[in-house]
């Protein structure tokens, strides 16, 4: 999530655990003749971790609908590990350049 820390500090991003209803509860429904047309159905739901970001029109500055995205903790963890891997590769590349610079300066 690019700029999450800054967006959070500016109160333009927030996280929440939200109950998402997959199937709404239905009680018995009877038609005009008293015949049951729909039997009771229990609500089916799950919890979702969501990130909400404020959105604005870049040209006018007018507020637009918020952006809402669901995240799984496993996906966030995988992305953190990918970032750590990239940092390790970049640090190794930097170390190689610094070693070359040191050797060239020694000439």
Foldseek 3Di string as FASTA:
>chain_A
DPPPVVCVVVVFKDKDKDKAWPDDWDDFDADPVRHTPDHTDDIDIDIWIKMWGWDADPVPRHTDDIDIDTDDVVVVVVVVVVVVVVVVVVVVVVVVVVVVVVVVVVD
